[in-house]
Protein backbone atom coordinates (compact mmCIF):
# COMPACT_ATOMS: atom_id res chain seq x y z
CA MET A 1 -0.20 0.13 0.00
CA ALA A 2 1.05 3.66 0.01
CA TYR A 3 0.70 6.84 2.13
CA ALA A 4 -3.21 7.97 2.67
CA THR A 5 -3.52 11.18 4.07
CA ARG A 6 -6.78 10.22 5.83
CA ASN A 7 -4.82 7.68 8.02
CA LEU A 8 -2.98 10.55 9.34
CA SER A 9 -3.93 12.53 12.57
CA VAL A 10 -2.76 14.98 15.07
CA LEU A 11 -3.07 13.83 18.37
CA ALA A 12 -1.40 16.94 20.19
CA TYR A 13 0.62 20.24 19.35
CA ALA A 14 2.53 22.40 21.47
CA ASN A 15 5.60 24.91 20.61
CA GLY A 16 6.49 23.52 17.09
CA PHE A 17 6.39 19.85 18.00
CA THR A 18 3.49 17.95 16.88
CA LEU A 19 2.60 14.20 18.12
CA TRP A 20 0.80 12.13 15.34
CA HIS A 21 -0.78 8.96 14.85
CA TYR A 22 -0.72 6.81 11.58
CA GLU A 23 -2.41 4.14 10.65
CA THR A 24 -1.66 1.21 7.82
CA ALA A 25 -1.94 -2.19 6.68
CA ASP A 26 1.81 -1.83 5.82
CA GLY A 27 4.39 -3.00 7.85
CA ALA A 28 6.50 -0.72 9.83
CA ALA A 29 9.75 -1.24 7.64
CA ALA A 30 7.81 0.14 4.77
CA LEU A 31 7.35 3.53 6.59
CA ALA A 32 11.25 3.94 7.55
CA GLY A 33 13.40 5.94 6.06
CA PHE A 34 12.80 8.24 2.97
CA GLY A 35 9.60 8.42 0.84
CA TYR A 36 6.72 7.22 2.31
CA PHE A 37 5.48 10.26 4.06
CA ASP A 38 6.53 12.61 1.36
CA GLN A 39 3.15 13.64 0.39
CA ALA A 40 2.80 14.88 3.68
CA ALA A 41 6.07 16.83 3.83
CA ASP A 42 4.25 20.11 4.29
CA LEU A 43 3.05 18.98 7.55
CA PHE A 44 5.76 17.45 9.18
CA ARG A 45 8.52 18.93 11.15
CA ARG A 46 12.11 17.58 12.07
CA GLY A 47 11.62 16.07 15.76
CA ASP A 48 7.88 15.25 15.37
CA ILE A 49 7.11 11.64 16.53
CA VAL A 50 4.63 9.21 15.00
CA ILE A 51 2.90 6.63 17.00
CA ALA A 52 2.15 3.98 13.89
CA THR A 53 -0.12 1.00 13.74
CA THR A 54 0.89 -0.84 11.48
CA ALA A 55 0.34 -4.83 10.00
CA ASP A 56 3.80 -5.32 12.53
CA GLY A 57 1.65 -3.99 15.69
CA ALA A 58 2.44 -0.33 16.95
CA SER A 59 5.76 1.41 16.74
CA LEU A 60 7.19 4.74 17.45
CA LEU A 61 8.71 6.94 14.71
CA SER A 62 10.83 10.10 14.93
CA VAL A 63 10.89 12.65 11.93
CA ALA A 64 14.81 12.71 11.58
CA SER A 65 14.49 15.40 8.71
CA CYS A 66 12.20 17.19 6.42
CA ASP A 67 13.07 19.63 3.81
CA GLY A 68 9.47 20.50 2.52
CA GLU A 69 9.47 17.78 0.03
CA ARG A 70 11.08 14.62 1.43
CA VAL A 71 10.55 13.26 4.84
CA ARG A 72 12.72 10.64 6.81
CA VAL A 73 11.70 9.02 9.92
CA GLY A 74 13.26 6.09 11.78
CA ALA A 75 12.56 4.28 14.78
CA LEU A 76 12.48 6.41 17.86
CA ALA A 77 15.82 5.41 19.46
CA ALA A 78 15.28 3.82 22.72
CA SER A 79 17.21 5.43 25.94
CA ALA A 80 19.75 3.16 27.95
CA ALA A 81 17.95 0.37 29.43
CA VAL A 82 17.46 0.31 33.06
CA PRO A 83 19.03 -3.05 34.32
CA ALA A 84 16.75 -5.26 36.26
CA PRO A 85 17.13 -5.16 39.94
CA ALA A 86 19.04 -8.28 41.52
CA VAL A 87 16.92 -10.77 42.93
CA ALA A 88 17.78 -12.41 46.37
CA ALA A 89 18.49 -15.90 46.49
């Protein structure tokens, strides 16, 4: 499938940041990188977050770059993992 504007919604907006939701039957890998969201390049800003509901489940994507014509998104990088507490024997 391809990008569908009707499946993109704003969840929250503040101070130039937008939290989006996008739903598609495509797999998450199809959304990553350049090209998938190019039709919405006039809507996105670098740093926006997209909650994507895809054929693979839900994922968080970050808009890595957007120049008004091309949009590049990628998986939101996880912060350092917090180690599990030690279990007493």
